[in-house]
Protein backbone atom coordinates (compact mmCIF):
# COMPACT_ATOMS: atom_id res chain seq x y z
CA MET A 1 55.59 -7.49 20.50
CA PRO A 2 53.31 -10.08 18.91
CA ILE A 3 54.09 -10.78 15.28
CA ILE A 4 51.48 -12.25 12.96
CA MET A 5 52.26 -13.74 9.57
CA CYS A 6 49.23 -14.74 7.53
CA TYR A 7 49.69 -16.80 4.38
CA THR A 8 46.78 -17.45 2.06
CA ASN A 9 46.13 -18.63 -1.45
CA LEU A 10 43.23 -16.18 -1.64
CA SER A 11 44.00 -13.30 -3.97
CA LYS A 12 44.34 -9.83 -2.47
CA ASP A 13 41.07 -8.73 -4.05
CA LYS A 14 39.22 -11.57 -2.24
CA LEU A 15 40.34 -10.31 1.18
CA PRO A 16 38.42 -7.55 2.95
CA GLN A 17 40.17 -4.21 2.48
CA ASP A 18 40.60 -3.83 6.26
CA PHE A 19 41.84 -7.39 6.82
CA VAL A 20 45.29 -6.49 8.22
CA GLU A 21 43.83 -4.08 10.75
CA TRP A 22 40.97 -6.45 11.56
CA LEU A 23 43.31 -9.43 12.11
CA SER A 24 45.54 -7.32 14.37
CA GLY A 25 42.52 -6.20 16.39
CA LEU A 26 41.22 -9.74 16.70
CA ALA A 27 44.60 -11.00 17.93
CA SER A 28 44.88 -8.08 20.36
CA GLN A 29 41.50 -8.99 21.82
CA VAL A 30 42.03 -12.78 21.91
CA LEU A 31 45.58 -12.61 23.33
CA ASP A 32 44.82 -9.61 25.59
CA LYS A 33 47.78 -7.63 24.23
CA GLU A 34 47.98 -3.94 23.29
CA LEU A 35 47.13 -3.36 19.63
CA GLU A 36 49.97 -0.85 19.32
CA LYS A 37 52.49 -3.64 19.93
CA PHE A 38 51.41 -5.83 16.98
CA VAL A 39 53.26 -6.30 13.71
CA THR A 40 51.04 -8.01 11.14
CA THR A 41 51.85 -9.16 7.63
CA VAL A 42 49.36 -10.68 5.20
CA MET A 43 50.70 -12.52 2.16
CA PRO A 44 47.97 -13.30 -0.40
CA ASP A 45 48.32 -15.29 -3.63
CA MET A 46 50.51 -17.96 -2.03
CA MET A 47 50.73 -21.51 -3.35
CA ILE A 48 49.25 -23.63 -0.53
CA MET A 49 48.05 -27.20 -0.30
CA ARG A 50 46.07 -28.52 2.67
CA ASN A 51 44.37 -31.90 2.94
CA LYS A 52 45.43 -32.89 -0.60
CA THR A 53 43.82 -29.84 -2.18
CA SER A 54 44.70 -26.29 -3.15
CA ASP A 55 41.22 -25.02 -2.27
CA PRO A 56 41.24 -21.60 -0.58
CA SER A 57 42.95 -21.75 2.79
CA MET A 58 44.86 -19.68 5.31
CA ILE A 59 47.80 -20.40 7.59
CA ILE A 60 48.43 -17.96 10.41
CA GLN A 61 51.61 -17.92 12.48
CA ILE A 62 51.50 -15.96 15.71
CA HIS A 63 54.73 -15.22 17.58
CA SER A 64 54.28 -13.82 21.07
CA ILE A 65 55.96 -13.53 24.46
CA GLY A 66 54.20 -15.26 27.36
CA SER A 67 50.97 -16.06 25.54
CA PHE A 68 50.96 -19.72 24.63
CA ASP A 69 50.45 -22.95 26.56
CA ALA A 70 48.32 -26.07 26.25
CA GLU A 71 45.50 -24.65 28.35
CA ARG A 72 45.10 -21.30 26.56
CA ASN A 73 45.85 -22.44 23.00
CA SER A 74 42.64 -24.42 22.57
CA THR A 75 40.59 -21.39 23.64
CA TYR A 76 42.57 -19.16 21.27
CA THR A 77 42.14 -21.61 18.40
CA GLU A 78 38.37 -21.72 18.70
CA LYS A 79 38.06 -17.91 18.77
CA PHE A 80 40.54 -17.31 15.94
CA ILE A 81 39.25 -19.95 13.55
CA LYS A 82 35.58 -19.06 13.96
CA SER A 83 36.19 -15.33 13.46
CA ILE A 84 38.67 -15.67 10.59
CA ALA A 85 36.63 -18.25 8.66
CA GLU A 86 33.58 -16.00 8.93
CA LYS A 87 35.49 -12.84 7.93
CA VAL A 88 37.03 -14.33 4.75
CA ASN A 89 34.27 -16.83 3.96
CA LEU A 90 36.37 -19.99 4.37
CA PRO A 91 35.31 -23.33 5.86
CA GLU A 92 36.76 -23.60 9.37
CA ASN A 93 38.85 -26.64 8.35
CA ARG A 94 40.71 -24.44 5.84
CA VAL A 95 42.20 -22.18 8.55
CA VAL A 96 45.35 -23.34 10.37
CA LEU A 97 47.03 -21.62 13.30
CA HIS A 98 50.63 -22.09 14.35
CA TYR A 99 51.64 -20.62 17.71
CA PHE A 100 55.24 -19.67 18.42
CA PRO A 101 56.19 -18.85 22.01
CA VAL A 102 59.00 -16.30 21.95
CA ASP A 103 61.58 -15.43 24.59
CA MET A 104 61.75 -11.65 25.00
CA THR A 105 65.51 -11.72 24.35
CA MET A 106 64.75 -12.95 20.81
CA ILE A 107 62.93 -9.77 19.67
CA GLY A 108 64.61 -6.50 18.88
CA ALA A 109 62.73 -3.26 18.10
CA LYS A 110 62.55 0.36 19.12
CA SER A 111 59.17 1.69 20.21
């Protein structure tokens, strides 16, 4: 069950209306995981500083079982950053990804 937590200092009205669904679909495609398994949260209006500025930015944490390693992460990063920056009209250097490998014993949910 991949879990995505997206933090941004963009206001909710600056995000596309379908952003949660779109981000889930993008992650499903990039990580090759079933969309039905995703849990995605988007938190707009956050106070964020990156590179000494509070200019619009986005930090995305992705928790997933068996998805992350040094070889795959660089490929994921390129696909995620390009797509996300384009979707929300941010410079690519204002999007940060943080990957969390998760052991399947650390997630509890009923289908």
